[in-house]
Amino acid sequence: MTSERVIGWGVVATGAIAHNVAGDLRLLENCRLAAVSSRLLDRAEAFAGEYGIDRAYDDVRALVDDPAVDVVYVATPHAQHPPVVELALEAGKAVLCEKAFTTSLAETTRLVGLARERGVFCMEAMWTRFNPLIVRLRQLVADGVIGEVRAVTADLGFVAPSDRAHRLWDPVQGGGVLLDVGIYPVAFAQMLLGRPESMAIAGSLNEQGVDAEAGMLLRWPGGVRAHLEASLLSPVPGSALVLGTQGRLEVPPRFHNASVLRHVDTPERGVQVPEEFTLEREGRGYVPMLRAVAQAVREGRTECPEMPLSDTVEIAAILDEALVALGVEYPEPAPLGAVY
């Protein structure tokens, strides 16, 4: 497997996120869009025409069975992830699945176990982890540049459409703020501090029983903490902050697709002007993640170190506990026949 091997991608679903990722996939060398599937063939054909994709299917099984597909990119609503991921893993196809990986810790653990058992590449599509500025932030923390991390804050949100049939409000599709938006602040804190020893959460549900807003306080030994906020009711800025004993790191809005990182030292160390790093994004920001996945598949690896499956499980555990505390209950995962 050489670095020149062309990787064929199959896209499952044709929604907004699939369009964004397909556009960025076209910017990668030695990658091609081989197939797309949707419940409606005309939708798949229109998507294929827009992005120059070879084959369009109205059956996800046909996409998974297509020998030209090396990586199955799952872009369906959250609740529909498990049957598609399982189908692809059983077929020995690499999987890149949109976040949240599933709607429950139990389903996430089951699918992670299957991926490891089959020895097949599998990753949650947490593009933030691959953003070069976030990679730099992690390295600055690891190098002790800001000393011991004492606190992390992160927030993200927007005013969601009022249509209660929208996927964000639909429990059948895994709607709610935590799985769609809150996962970013949670994943940011987990990236730096691991799984917390305890947590407190406050929020609200809509009339359909899904979470509309959530504030979280996560705690680690020694008083280390994370303050996290997510909302579908308010225009939350989307910033992140890492506070250390010798300085801080600031990521202005929106941190999950960062374009600026600032390092602010303590006054005692004589640094008066913050050190600022900027980034010119590649495409819409998914390119670094997609490049890393393609290279991992070429090399026969089953995980990416930036976003290992163990982190996906820890994030799912935090979200699961928060959802239970808020009283959110999701139906069983959708059967394969209901998948786009």
C-alpha atoms as a PDB file:
ATOM      1  CA  MET A   1       0.000   0.000   0.000  1.00  0.00           C
ATOM      2  CA  THR A   2       1.751   3.139  -1.195  1.00  0.00           C
ATOM      3  CA  SER A   3       0.973   6.756  -0.531  1.00  0.00           C
ATOM      4  CA  GLU A   4      -0.112   7.013  -4.177  1.00  0.00           C
ATOM      5  CA  ARG A   5      -2.907   4.457  -3.898  1.00  0.00           C
ATOM      6  CA  VAL A   6      -6.219   6.034  -4.913  1.00  0.00           C
ATOM      7  CA  ILE A   7      -8.872   5.683  -2.204  1.00  0.00           C
ATOM      8  CA  GLY A   8     -12.488   5.327  -3.316  1.00  0.00           C
ATOM      9  CA  TRP A   9     -15.132   6.931  -1.119  1.00  0.00           C
ATOM     10  CA  GLY A  10     -18.787   6.006  -0.852  1.00  0.00           C
ATOM     11  CA  VAL A  11     -21.125   8.663   0.578  1.00  0.00           C
ATOM     12  CA  VAL A  12     -24.253   7.494   2.418  1.00  0.00           C
ATOM     13  CA  ALA A  13     -26.924  10.259   2.411  1.00  0.00           C
ATOM     14  CA  THR A  14     -27.100  13.526   0.498  1.00  0.00           C
ATOM     15  CA  GLY A  15     -27.810  16.176   3.143  1.00  0.00           C
ATOM     16  CA  ALA A  16     -25.925  19.388   3.872  1.00  0.00           C
ATOM     17  CA  ILE A  17     -22.990  17.764   5.661  1.00  0.00           C
ATOM     18  CA  ALA A  18     -22.558  15.259   2.816  1.00  0.00           C
ATOM     19  CA  HIS A  19     -22.345  18.153   0.351  1.00  0.00           C
ATOM     20  CA  ASN A  20     -19.682  19.885   2.433  1.00  0.00           C
ATOM     21  CA  VAL A  21     -17.553  16.774   2.809  1.00  0.00           C
ATOM     22  CA  ALA A  22     -17.931  15.731  -0.835  1.00  0.00           C
ATOM     23  CA  GLY A  23     -16.749  19.166  -1.897  1.00  0.00           C
ATOM     24  CA  ASP A  24     -13.648  18.852   0.279  1.00  0.00           C
ATOM     25  CA  LEU A  25     -12.984  15.299  -0.895  1.00  0.00           C
ATOM     26  CA  ARG A  26     -12.604  16.644  -4.410  1.00  0.00           C
ATOM     27  CA  LEU A  27      -9.661  18.752  -3.184  1.00  0.00           C
ATOM     28  CA  LEU A  28      -7.642  15.693  -2.147  1.00  0.00           C
ATOM     29  CA  GLU A  29      -5.055  14.012  -4.320  1.00  0.00           C
ATOM     30  CA  ASN A  30      -5.359  10.243  -4.790  1.00  0.00           C
ATOM     31  CA  CYS A  31      -8.960  10.159  -3.605  1.00  0.00           C
ATOM     32  CA  ARG A  32     -12.106   9.828  -5.672  1.00  0.00           C
ATOM     33  CA  LEU A  33     -15.814   9.822  -5.031  1.00  0.00           C
ATOM     34  CA  ALA A  34     -16.816   6.368  -6.213  1.00  0.00           C
ATOM     35  CA  ALA A  35     -20.468   6.066  -5.148  1.00  0.00           C
ATOM     36  CA  VAL A  36     -23.362   7.734  -3.347  1.00  0.00           C
ATOM     37  CA  SER A  37     -26.577   6.308  -1.939  1.00  0.00           C
ATOM     38  CA  SER A  38     -29.904   7.832  -0.939  1.00  0.00           C
ATOM     39  CA  ARG A  39     -33.375   6.468  -0.250  1.00  0.00           C
ATOM     40  CA  LEU A  40     -34.464   8.243  -3.449  1.00  0.00           C
ATOM     41  CA  LEU A  41     -32.519   7.414  -6.588  1.00  0.00           C
ATOM     42  CA  ASP A  42     -33.112  10.802  -8.178  1.00  0.00           C
ATOM     43  CA  ARG A  43     -31.541  12.441  -5.124  1.00  0.00           C
ATOM     44  CA  ALA A  44     -28.495  10.192  -5.393  1.00  0.00           C
ATOM     45  CA  GLU A  45     -28.215  10.826  -9.124  1.00  0.00           C
ATOM     46  CA  ALA A  46     -28.396  14.594  -8.655  1.00  0.00           C
ATOM     47  CA  PHE A  47     -25.682  14.426  -5.982  1.00  0.00           C
ATOM     48  CA  ALA A  48     -23.540  12.222  -8.222  1.00  0.00           C
ATOM     49  CA  GLY A  49     -23.921  14.649 -11.108  1.00  0.00           C
ATOM     50  CA  GLU A  50     -22.901  17.599  -8.945  1.00  0.00           C
ATOM     51  CA  TYR A  51     -19.710  15.977  -7.659  1.00  0.00           C
ATOM     52  CA  GLY A  52     -18.718  13.763 -10.573  1.00  0.00           C
ATOM     53  CA  ILE A  53     -19.450  10.504  -8.757  1.00  0.00           C
ATOM     54  CA  ASP A  54     -19.345   7.295 -10.783  1.00  0.00           C
ATOM     55  CA  ARG A  55     -22.375   5.461  -9.395  1.00  0.00           C
ATOM     56  CA  ALA A  56     -25.617   6.388  -7.642  1.00  0.00           C
ATOM     57  CA  TYR A  57     -27.675   3.888  -5.610  1.00  0.00           C
ATOM     58  CA  ASP A  58     -30.997   3.848  -3.793  1.00  0.00           C
ATOM     59  CA  ASP A  59     -29.775   0.971  -1.594  1.00  0.00           C
ATOM     60  CA  VAL A  60     -26.933   1.384   0.913  1.00  0.00           C
ATOM     61  CA  ARG A  61     -26.124  -2.329   0.579  1.00  0.00           C
ATOM     62  CA  ALA A  62     -25.229  -1.802  -3.063  1.00  0.00           C
ATOM     63  CA  LEU A  63     -22.864   1.015  -2.126  1.00  0.00           C
ATOM     64  CA  VAL A  64     -21.167  -1.069   0.552  1.00  0.00           C
ATOM     65  CA  ASP A  65     -20.812  -3.991  -1.878  1.00  0.00           C
ATOM     66  CA  ASP A  66     -19.335  -1.799  -4.627  1.00  0.00           C
ATOM     67  CA  PRO A  67     -15.690  -2.941  -5.072  1.00  0.00           C
ATOM     68  CA  ALA A  68     -14.649   0.626  -5.938  1.00  0.00           C
ATOM     69  CA  VAL A  69     -15.581   1.824  -2.437  1.00  0.00           C
ATOM     70  CA  ASP A  70     -12.760   1.644   0.119  1.00  0.00           C
ATOM     71  CA  VAL A  71     -14.220   4.025   2.726  1.00  0.00           C
ATOM     72  CA  VAL A  72     -17.897   4.360   3.610  1.00  0.00           C
ATOM     73  CA  TYR A  73     -18.662   7.885   4.802  1.00  0.00           C
ATOM     74  CA  VAL A  74     -21.877   7.852   6.871  1.00  0.00           C
ATOM     75  CA  ALA A  75     -23.742  11.173   6.764  1.00  0.00           C
ATOM     76  CA  THR A  76     -27.231  10.101   7.829  1.00  0.00           C
ATOM     77  CA  PRO A  77     -28.982  11.473  10.942  1.00  0.00           C
ATOM     78  CA  HIS A  78     -27.512  10.140  14.196  1.00  0.00           C
ATOM     79  CA  ALA A  79     -30.114   7.474  14.886  1.00  0.00           C
ATOM     80  CA  GLN A  80     -29.471   5.879  11.494  1.00  0.00           C
ATOM     81  CA  HIS A  81     -25.722   5.464  11.969  1.00  0.00           C
ATOM     82  CA  PRO A  82     -25.623   2.026  13.677  1.00  0.00           C
ATOM     83  CA  PRO A  83     -27.109  -0.147  10.905  1.00  0.00           C
ATOM     84  CA  VAL A  84     -24.953   1.486   8.208  1.00  0.00           C
ATOM     85  CA  VAL A  85     -21.754   1.314  10.261  1.00  0.00           C
ATOM     86  CA  GLU A  86     -22.453  -2.314  11.138  1.00  0.00           C
ATOM     87  CA  LEU A  87     -23.133  -3.233   7.510  1.00  0.00           C
ATOM     88  CA  ALA A  88     -19.899  -1.620   6.350  1.00  0.00           C
ATOM     89  CA  LEU A  89     -17.757  -3.154   9.101  1.00  0.00           C
ATOM     90  CA  GLU A  90     -19.187  -6.615   8.470  1.00  0.00           C
ATOM     91  CA  ALA A  91     -18.225  -6.163   4.810  1.00  0.00           C
ATOM     92  CA  GLY A  92     -14.684  -5.178   5.777  1.00  0.00           C
ATOM     93  CA  LYS A  93     -15.051  -1.599   4.534  1.00  0.00           C
ATOM     94  CA  ALA A  94     -13.390   1.303   6.343  1.00  0.00           C
ATOM     95  CA  VAL A  95     -15.865   3.664   8.024  1.00  0.00           C
ATOM     96  CA  LEU A  96     -15.877   7.389   8.675  1.00  0.00           C
ATOM     97  CA  CYS A  97     -19.093   8.129  10.579  1.00  0.00           C
ATOM     98  CA  GLU A  98     -20.440  11.575  11.349  1.00  0.00           C
ATOM     99  CA  LYS A  99     -20.638  12.663  14.951  1.00  0.00           C
ATOM    100  CA  ALA A 100     -22.370  11.789  17.158  1.00  0.00           C
ATOM    101  CA  PHE A 101     -21.290   8.225  16.439  1.00  0.00           C
ATOM    102  CA  THR A 102     -24.557   6.854  17.839  1.00  0.00           C
ATOM    103  CA  THR A 103     -27.326   7.987  20.188  1.00  0.00           C
ATOM    104  CA  SER A 104     -26.159   5.831  23.121  1.00  0.00           C
ATOM    105  CA  LEU A 105     -23.080   4.549  24.911  1.00  0.00           C
ATOM    106  CA  ALA A 106     -24.316   0.975  24.501  1.00  0.00           C
ATOM    107  CA  GLU A 107     -24.522   1.235  20.701  1.00  0.00           C
ATOM    108  CA  THR A 108     -21.188   3.043  20.492  1.00  0.00           C
ATOM    109  CA  THR A 109     -19.479   0.384  22.598  1.00  0.00           C
ATOM    110  CA  ARG A 110     -21.016  -2.389  20.499  1.00  0.00           C
ATOM    111  CA  LEU A 111     -19.863  -0.923  17.191  1.00  0.00           C
ATOM    112  CA  VAL A 112     -16.391  -0.091  18.487  1.00  0.00           C
ATOM    113  CA  GLY A 113     -16.115  -3.702  19.626  1.00  0.00           C
ATOM    114  CA  LEU A 114     -17.147  -4.888  16.167  1.00  0.00           C
ATOM    115  CA  ALA A 115     -14.584  -2.668  14.447  1.00  0.00           C
ATOM    116  CA  ARG A 116     -11.817  -3.985  16.679  1.00  0.00           C
ATOM    117  CA  GLU A 117     -12.970  -7.569  16.277  1.00  0.00           C
ATOM    118  CA  ARG A 118     -12.981  -7.240  12.478  1.00  0.00           C
ATOM    119  CA  GLY A 119      -9.742  -5.263  12.392  1.00  0.00           C
ATOM    120  CA  VAL A 120     -11.356  -2.640  10.156  1.00  0.00           C
ATOM    121  CA  PHE A 121     -10.657   1.097  10.152  1.00  0.00           C
ATOM    122  CA  CYS A 122     -13.388   3.054  11.929  1.00  0.00           C
ATOM    123  CA  MET A 123     -13.528   6.649  13.118  1.00  0.00           C
ATOM    124  CA  GLU A 124     -16.001   9.242  14.306  1.00  0.00           C
ATOM    125  CA  ALA A 125     -15.780  12.287  12.009  1.00  0.00           C
ATOM    126  CA  MET A 126     -14.552  14.771  14.616  1.00  0.00           C
ATOM    127  CA  TRP A 127     -12.974  17.195  12.141  1.00  0.00           C
ATOM    128  CA  THR A 128     -11.967  19.616  14.915  1.00  0.00           C
ATOM    129  CA  ARG A 129      -9.266  17.208  16.102  1.00  0.00           C
ATOM    130  CA  PHE A 130      -7.472  17.514  12.737  1.00  0.00           C
ATOM    131  CA  ASN A 131      -7.630  21.292  12.443  1.00  0.00           C
ATOM    132  CA  PRO A 132      -3.957  22.404  12.411  1.00  0.00           C
ATOM    133  CA  LEU A 133      -4.587  25.047  15.083  1.00  0.00           C
ATOM    134  CA  ILE A 134      -6.212  22.527  17.407  1.00  0.00           C
ATOM    135  CA  VAL A 135      -3.292  20.170  16.742  1.00  0.00           C
ATOM    136  CA  ARG A 136      -0.980  23.043  17.752  1.00  0.00           C
ATOM    137  CA  LEU A 137      -3.072  23.752  20.859  1.00  0.00           C
ATOM    138  CA  ARG A 138      -2.775  20.131  21.974  1.00  0.00           C
ATOM    139  CA  GLN A 139       0.980  20.249  21.461  1.00  0.00           C
ATOM    140  CA  LEU A 140       1.357  23.488  23.413  1.00  0.00           C
ATOM    141  CA  VAL A 141      -0.548  21.921  26.305  1.00  0.00           C
ATOM    142  CA  ALA A 142       1.486  18.704  26.096  1.00  0.00           C
ATOM    143  CA  ASP A 143       4.741  20.709  26.091  1.00  0.00           C
ATOM    144  CA  GLY A 144       3.695  22.492  29.283  1.00  0.00           C
ATOM    145  CA  VAL A 145       3.721  25.927  27.669  1.00  0.00           C
ATOM    146  CA  ILE A 146       0.779  27.110  29.809  1.00  0.00           C
ATOM    147  CA  GLY A 147       1.726  25.010  32.810  1.00  0.00           C
ATOM    148  CA  GLU A 148      -0.832  22.762  34.479  1.00  0.00           C
ATOM    149  CA  VAL A 149      -4.305  22.945  32.956  1.00  0.00           C
ATOM    150  CA  ARG A 150      -6.797  24.024  35.598  1.00  0.00           C
ATOM    151  CA  ALA A 151      -9.935  24.768  33.620  1.00  0.00           C
ATOM    152  CA  VAL A 152     -11.440  24.510  30.149  1.00  0.00           C
ATOM    153  CA  THR A 153     -14.411  26.440  28.839  1.00  0.00           C
ATOM    154  CA  ALA A 154     -16.150  25.872  25.513  1.00  0.00           C
ATOM    155  CA  ASP A 155     -19.523  26.823  24.077  1.00  0.00           C
ATOM    156  CA  LEU A 156     -21.399  26.394  20.830  1.00  0.00           C
ATOM    157  CA  GLY A 157     -24.924  26.976  19.616  1.00  0.00           C
ATOM    158  CA  PHE A 158     -27.372  28.712  17.324  1.00  0.00           C
ATOM    159  CA  VAL A 159     -31.073  29.365  16.986  1.00  0.00           C
ATOM    160  CA  ALA A 160     -32.433  26.240  15.314  1.00  0.00           C
ATOM    161  CA  PRO A 161     -35.335  26.218  12.836  1.00  0.00           C
ATOM    162  CA  SER A 162     -38.701  26.418  14.534  1.00  0.00           C
ATOM    163  CA  ASP A 163     -40.098  23.555  12.426  1.00  0.00           C
ATOM    164  CA  ARG A 164     -40.612  20.709  14.894  1.00  0.00           C
ATOM    165  CA  ALA A 165     -40.292  18.175  12.072  1.00  0.00           C
ATOM    166  CA  HIS A 166     -36.685  19.268  11.520  1.00  0.00           C
ATOM    167  CA  ARG A 167     -34.131  16.561  12.367  1.00  0.00           C
ATOM    168  CA  LEU A 168     -32.715  18.710  15.185  1.00  0.00           C
ATOM    169  CA  TRP A 169     -36.005  18.395  17.089  1.00  0.00           C
ATOM    170  CA  ASP A 170     -36.967  14.848  16.039  1.00  0.00           C
ATOM    171  CA  PRO A 171     -36.227  12.163  18.657  1.00  0.00           C
ATOM    172  CA  VAL A 172     -36.581   9.425  16.034  1.00  0.00           C
ATOM    173  CA  GLN A 173     -33.621  10.925  14.164  1.00  0.00           C
ATOM    174  CA  GLY A 174     -31.580  11.486  17.322  1.00  0.00           C
ATOM    175  CA  GLY A 175     -32.340  15.196  17.579  1.00  0.00           C
ATOM    176  CA  GLY A 176     -31.322  17.512  20.384  1.00  0.00           C
ATOM    177  CA  VAL A 177     -28.525  19.893  21.242  1.00  0.00           C
ATOM    178  CA  LEU A 178     -26.066  17.524  22.920  1.00  0.00           C
ATOM    179  CA  LEU A 179     -25.597  15.064  20.068  1.00  0.00           C
ATOM    180  CA  ASP A 180     -25.515  17.708  17.359  1.00  0.00           C
ATOM    181  CA  VAL A 181     -23.813  20.716  18.980  1.00  0.00           C
ATOM    182  CA  GLY A 182     -22.853  19.908  22.567  1.00  0.00           C
ATOM    183  CA  ILE A 183     -20.611  17.108  21.404  1.00  0.00           C
ATOM    184  CA  TYR A 184     -18.047  19.695  20.260  1.00  0.00           C
ATOM    185  CA  PRO A 185     -17.474  21.317  23.677  1.00  0.00           C
ATOM    186  CA  VAL A 186     -17.581  17.875  25.318  1.00  0.00           C
ATOM    187  CA  ALA A 187     -15.031  16.467  22.868  1.00  0.00           C
ATOM    188  CA  PHE A 188     -12.796  19.515  23.339  1.00  0.00           C
ATOM    189  CA  ALA A 189     -12.703  19.037  27.109  1.00  0.00           C
ATOM    190  CA  GLN A 190     -12.239  15.268  26.821  1.00  0.00           C
ATOM    191  CA  MET A 191      -9.386  15.781  24.338  1.00  0.00           C
ATOM    192  CA  LEU A 192      -7.427  17.725  26.961  1.00  0.00           C
ATOM    193  CA  LEU A 193      -8.512  16.118  30.230  1.00  0.00           C
ATOM    194  CA  GLY A 194      -9.948  12.670  29.489  1.00  0.00           C
ATOM    195  CA  ARG A 195     -13.105  11.317  31.080  1.00  0.00           C
ATOM    196  CA  PRO A 196     -14.277  13.312  34.133  1.00  0.00           C
ATOM    197  CA  GLU A 197     -14.821  11.781  37.537  1.00  0.00           C
ATOM    198  CA  SER A 198     -18.167  13.552  37.954  1.00  0.00           C
ATOM    199  CA  MET A 199     -20.454  16.043  36.261  1.00  0.00           C
ATOM    200  CA  ALA A 200     -23.458  18.281  36.821  1.00  0.00           C
ATOM    201  CA  ILE A 201     -25.871  19.389  34.107  1.00  0.00           C
ATOM    202  CA  ALA A 202     -28.756  21.796  33.751  1.00  0.00           C
ATOM    203  CA  GLY A 203     -30.876  22.377  30.667  1.00  0.00           C
ATOM    204  CA  SER A 204     -34.285  22.248  29.066  1.00  0.00           C
ATOM    205  CA  LEU A 205     -36.272  19.917  26.837  1.00  0.00           C
ATOM    206  CA  ASN A 206     -38.791  20.792  24.138  1.00  0.00           C
ATOM    207  CA  GLU A 207     -42.293  19.368  23.949  1.00  0.00           C
ATOM    208  CA  GLN A 208     -41.010  16.378  21.974  1.00  0.00           C
ATOM    209  CA  GLY A 209     -38.649  15.416  24.765  1.00  0.00           C
ATOM    210  CA  VAL A 210     -35.314  16.312  23.168  1.00  0.00           C
ATOM    211  CA  ASP A 211     -32.750  18.603  24.764  1.00  0.00           C
ATOM    212  CA  ALA A 212     -32.866  22.202  23.577  1.00  0.00           C
ATOM    213  CA  GLU A 213     -30.051  23.636  25.713  1.00  0.00           C
ATOM    214  CA  ALA A 214     -27.506  22.316  28.168  1.00  0.00           C
ATOM    215  CA  GLY A 215     -24.945  23.709  30.579  1.00  0.00           C
ATOM    216  CA  MET A 216     -22.394  21.293  32.018  1.00  0.00           C
ATOM    217  CA  LEU A 217     -19.797  21.356  34.767  1.00  0.00           C
ATOM    218  CA  LEU A 218     -17.342  18.485  34.447  1.00  0.00           C
ATOM    219  CA  ARG A 219     -14.908  17.745  37.294  1.00  0.00           C
ATOM    220  CA  TRP A 220     -11.559  15.986  37.479  1.00  0.00           C
ATOM    221  CA  PRO A 221      -9.363  15.230  40.515  1.00  0.00           C
ATOM    222  CA  GLY A 222      -7.724  18.188  42.222  1.00  0.00           C
ATOM    223  CA  GLY A 223     -10.463  20.655  41.301  1.00  0.00           C
ATOM    224  CA  VAL A 224      -9.750  20.675  37.564  1.00  0.00           C
ATOM    225  CA  ARG A 225     -12.970  21.491  35.715  1.00  0.00           C
ATOM    226  CA  ALA A 226     -14.656  22.258  32.430  1.00  0.00           C
ATOM    227  CA  HIS A 227     -17.550  24.664  31.915  1.00  0.00           C
ATOM    228  CA  LEU A 228     -19.468  23.786  28.752  1.00  0.00           C
ATOM    229  CA  GLU A 229     -22.504  25.327  27.101  1.00  0.00           C
ATOM    230  CA  ALA A 230     -24.635  24.307  24.106  1.00  0.00           C
ATOM    231  CA  SER A 231     -27.917  25.659  22.798  1.00  0.00           C
ATOM    232  CA  LEU A 232     -30.437  25.403  19.985  1.00  0.00           C
ATOM    233  CA  LEU A 233     -32.310  28.406  21.408  1.00  0.00           C
ATOM    234  CA  SER A 234     -29.584  31.056  21.633  1.00  0.00           C
ATOM    235  CA  PRO A 235     -26.797  32.360  19.355  1.00  0.00           C
ATOM    236  CA  VAL A 236     -23.915  31.072  21.499  1.00  0.00           C
ATOM    237  CA  PRO A 237     -20.567  32.525  20.321  1.00  0.00           C
ATOM    238  CA  GLY A 238     -18.611  29.281  19.907  1.00  0.00           C
ATOM    239  CA  SER A 239     -15.366  30.082  21.716  1.00  0.00           C
ATOM    240  CA  ALA A 240     -12.971  27.941  23.733  1.00  0.00           C
ATOM    241  CA  LEU A 241     -10.453  28.713  26.468  1.00  0.00           C
ATOM    242  CA  VAL A 242      -7.783  26.627  28.184  1.00  0.00           C
ATOM    243  CA  LEU A 243      -6.566  28.068  31.489  1.00  0.00           C
ATOM    244  CA  GLY A 244      -3.195  26.995  32.832  1.00  0.00           C
ATOM    245  CA  THR A 245      -0.993  27.963  35.770  1.00  0.00           C
ATOM    246  CA  GLN A 246       1.423  29.794  33.432  1.00  0.00           C
ATOM    247  CA  GLY A 247      -0.883  31.210  30.795  1.00  0.00           C
ATOM    248  CA  ARG A 248      -3.916  30.484  28.661  1.00  0.00           C
ATOM    249  CA  LEU A 249      -4.916  29.478  25.140  1.00  0.00           C
ATOM    250  CA  GLU A 250      -7.840  31.176  23.432  1.00  0.00           C
ATOM    251  CA  VAL A 251      -9.753  29.964  20.380  1.00  0.00           C
ATOM    252  CA  PRO A 252     -12.161  32.664  19.144  1.00  0.00           C
ATOM    253  CA  PRO A 253     -15.463  31.722  17.501  1.00  0.00           C
ATOM    254  CA  ARG A 254     -15.973  29.267  16.101  1.00  0.00           C
ATOM    255  CA  PHE A 255     -13.550  26.971  17.833  1.00  0.00           C
ATOM    256  CA  HIS A 256     -14.799  23.759  16.204  1.00  0.00           C
ATOM    257  CA  ASN A 257     -13.505  25.057  12.834  1.00  0.00           C
ATOM    258  CA  ALA A 258     -10.738  27.245  14.225  1.00  0.00           C
ATOM    259  CA  SER A 259      -8.989  29.916  12.170  1.00  0.00           C
ATOM    260  CA  VAL A 260      -7.239  31.753  15.036  1.00  0.00           C
ATOM    261  CA  LEU A 261      -5.387  30.558  18.162  1.00  0.00           C
ATOM    262  CA  ARG A 262      -3.919  32.899  20.782  1.00  0.00           C
ATOM    263  CA  HIS A 263      -1.358  32.114  23.457  1.00  0.00           C
ATOM    264  CA  VAL A 264      -1.462  34.555  26.363  1.00  0.00           C
ATOM    265  CA  ASP A 265       1.421  34.217  28.829  1.00  0.00           C
ATOM    266  CA  THR A 266       1.368  35.244  32.493  1.00  0.00           C
ATOM    267  CA  PRO A 267       2.484  38.859  33.144  1.00  0.00           C
ATOM    268  CA  GLU A 268       5.270  37.606  35.413  1.00  0.00           C
ATOM    269  CA  ARG A 269       6.931  35.918  32.443  1.00  0.00           C
ATOM    270  CA  GLY A 270       7.296  39.212  30.625  1.00  0.00           C
ATOM    271  CA  VAL A 271       5.134  38.573  27.579  1.00  0.00           C
ATOM    272  CA  GLN A 272       2.918  41.596  26.951  1.00  0.00           C
ATOM    273  CA  VAL A 273       1.503  40.814  23.511  1.00  0.00           C
ATOM    274  CA  PRO A 274      -0.394  37.571  22.919  1.00  0.00           C
ATOM    275  CA  GLU A 275       1.172  35.193  20.424  1.00  0.00           C
ATOM    276  CA  GLU A 276      -1.337  34.643  17.627  1.00  0.00           C
ATOM    277  CA  PHE A 277      -1.498  31.799  15.120  1.00  0.00           C
ATOM    278  CA  THR A 278      -3.776  31.968  12.094  1.00  0.00           C
ATOM    279  CA  LEU A 279      -4.903  29.415   9.558  1.00  0.00           C
ATOM    280  CA  GLU A 280      -6.109  29.586   5.998  1.00  0.00           C
ATOM    281  CA  ARG A 281      -8.577  26.736   5.825  1.00  0.00           C
ATOM    282  CA  GLU A 282      -8.427  24.077   3.134  1.00  0.00           C
ATOM    283  CA  GLY A 283     -11.890  23.970   1.593  1.00  0.00           C
ATOM    284  CA  ARG A 284     -14.560  24.061   4.267  1.00  0.00           C
ATOM    285  CA  GLY A 285     -12.203  22.660   6.889  1.00  0.00           C
ATOM    286  CA  TYR A 286     -12.676  18.904   6.462  1.00  0.00           C
ATOM    287  CA  VAL A 287      -9.604  18.342   4.269  1.00  0.00           C
ATOM    288  CA  PRO A 288      -7.093  17.583   7.075  1.00  0.00           C
ATOM    289  CA  MET A 289      -9.387  14.919   8.546  1.00  0.00           C
ATOM    290  CA  LEU A 290     -10.167  13.351   5.179  1.00  0.00           C
ATOM    291  CA  ARG A 291      -6.481  13.296   4.241  1.00  0.00           C
ATOM    292  CA  ALA A 292      -5.591  11.564   7.508  1.00  0.00           C
ATOM    293  CA  VAL A 293      -8.301   8.935   7.053  1.00  0.00           C
ATOM    294  CA  ALA A 294      -7.237   8.204   3.478  1.00  0.00           C
ATOM    295  CA  GLN A 295      -3.613   7.797   4.546  1.00  0.00           C
ATOM    296  CA  ALA A 296      -4.566   5.529   7.453  1.00  0.00           C
ATOM    297  CA  VAL A 297      -6.533   3.294   5.070  1.00  0.00           C
ATOM    298  CA  ARG A 298      -3.613   3.197   2.605  1.00  0.00           C
ATOM    299  CA  GLU A 299      -1.295   2.106   5.399  1.00  0.00           C
ATOM    300  CA  GLY A 300      -3.678  -0.528   6.710  1.00  0.00           C
ATOM    301  CA  ARG A 301      -4.189   1.162  10.090  1.00  0.00           C
ATOM    302  CA  THR A 302      -7.466   0.715  11.950  1.00  0.00           C
ATOM    303  CA  GLU A 303      -7.534   4.042  13.834  1.00  0.00           C
ATOM    304  CA  CYS A 304      -6.216   7.600  13.684  1.00  0.00           C
ATOM    305  CA  PRO A 305      -4.287   8.795  16.769  1.00  0.00           C
ATOM    306  CA  GLU A 306      -5.995  12.194  16.594  1.00  0.00           C
ATOM    307  CA  MET A 307      -9.407  10.588  17.143  1.00  0.00           C
ATOM    308  CA  PRO A 308      -9.068   7.040  18.489  1.00  0.00           C
ATOM    309  CA  LEU A 309     -12.074   4.857  19.186  1.00  0.00           C
ATOM    310  CA  SER A 310     -11.317   5.021  22.907  1.00  0.00           C
ATOM    311  CA  ASP A 311     -12.049   8.757  22.781  1.00  0.00           C
ATOM    312  CA  THR A 312     -15.308   8.117  20.939  1.00  0.00           C
ATOM    313  CA  VAL A 313     -16.364   5.789  23.767  1.00  0.00           C
ATOM    314  CA  GLU A 314     -15.412   8.318  26.459  1.00  0.00           C
ATOM    315  CA  ILE A 315     -17.301  11.112  24.706  1.00  0.00           C
ATOM    316  CA  ALA A 316     -20.335   8.836  24.323  1.00  0.00           C
ATOM    317  CA  ALA A 317     -20.190   8.051  28.035  1.00  0.00           C
ATOM    318  CA  ILE A 318     -20.242  11.762  28.951  1.00  0.00           C
ATOM    319  CA  LEU A 319     -23.113  12.486  26.562  1.00  0.00           C
ATOM    320  CA  ASP A 320     -25.038   9.420  27.731  1.00  0.00           C
ATOM    321  CA  GLU A 321     -24.837  10.519  31.367  1.00  0.00           C
ATOM    322  CA  ALA A 322     -25.904  14.048  30.446  1.00  0.00           C
ATOM    323  CA  LEU A 323     -28.870  12.845  28.386  1.00  0.00           C
ATOM    324  CA  VAL A 324     -30.042  10.585  31.208  1.00  0.00           C
ATOM    325  CA  ALA A 325     -29.752  13.466  33.688  1.00  0.00           C
ATOM    326  CA  LEU A 326     -31.878  15.668  31.435  1.00  0.00           C
ATOM    327  CA  GLY A 327     -34.447  12.910  30.907  1.00  0.00           C
ATOM    328  CA  VAL A 328     -33.927  12.385  27.170  1.00  0.00           C
ATOM    329  CA  GLU A 329     -34.900   8.953  25.843  1.00  0.00           C
ATOM    330  CA  TYR A 330     -34.333   7.934  22.232  1.00  0.00           C
ATOM    331  CA  PRO A 331     -36.145   5.158  20.341  1.00  0.00           C
ATOM    332  CA  GLU A 332     -34.225   2.114  19.179  1.00  0.00           C
ATOM    333  CA  PRO A 333     -31.906   2.728  16.168  1.00  0.00           C
ATOM    334  CA  ALA A 334     -33.674   2.844  12.824  1.00  0.00           C
ATOM    335  CA  PRO A 335     -33.629  -0.359  10.722  1.00  0.00           C
ATOM    336  CA  LEU A 336     -31.401  -0.402   7.665  1.00  0.00           C
ATOM    337  CA  GLY A 337     -34.360  -0.052   5.315  1.00  0.00           C
ATOM    338  CA  ALA A 338     -35.124   3.427   6.704  1.00  0.00           C
ATOM    339  CA  VAL A 339     -31.631   4.730   5.962  1.00  0.00           C
ATOM    340  CA  TYR A 340     -30.929   7.315   3.286  1.00  0.00           C
END
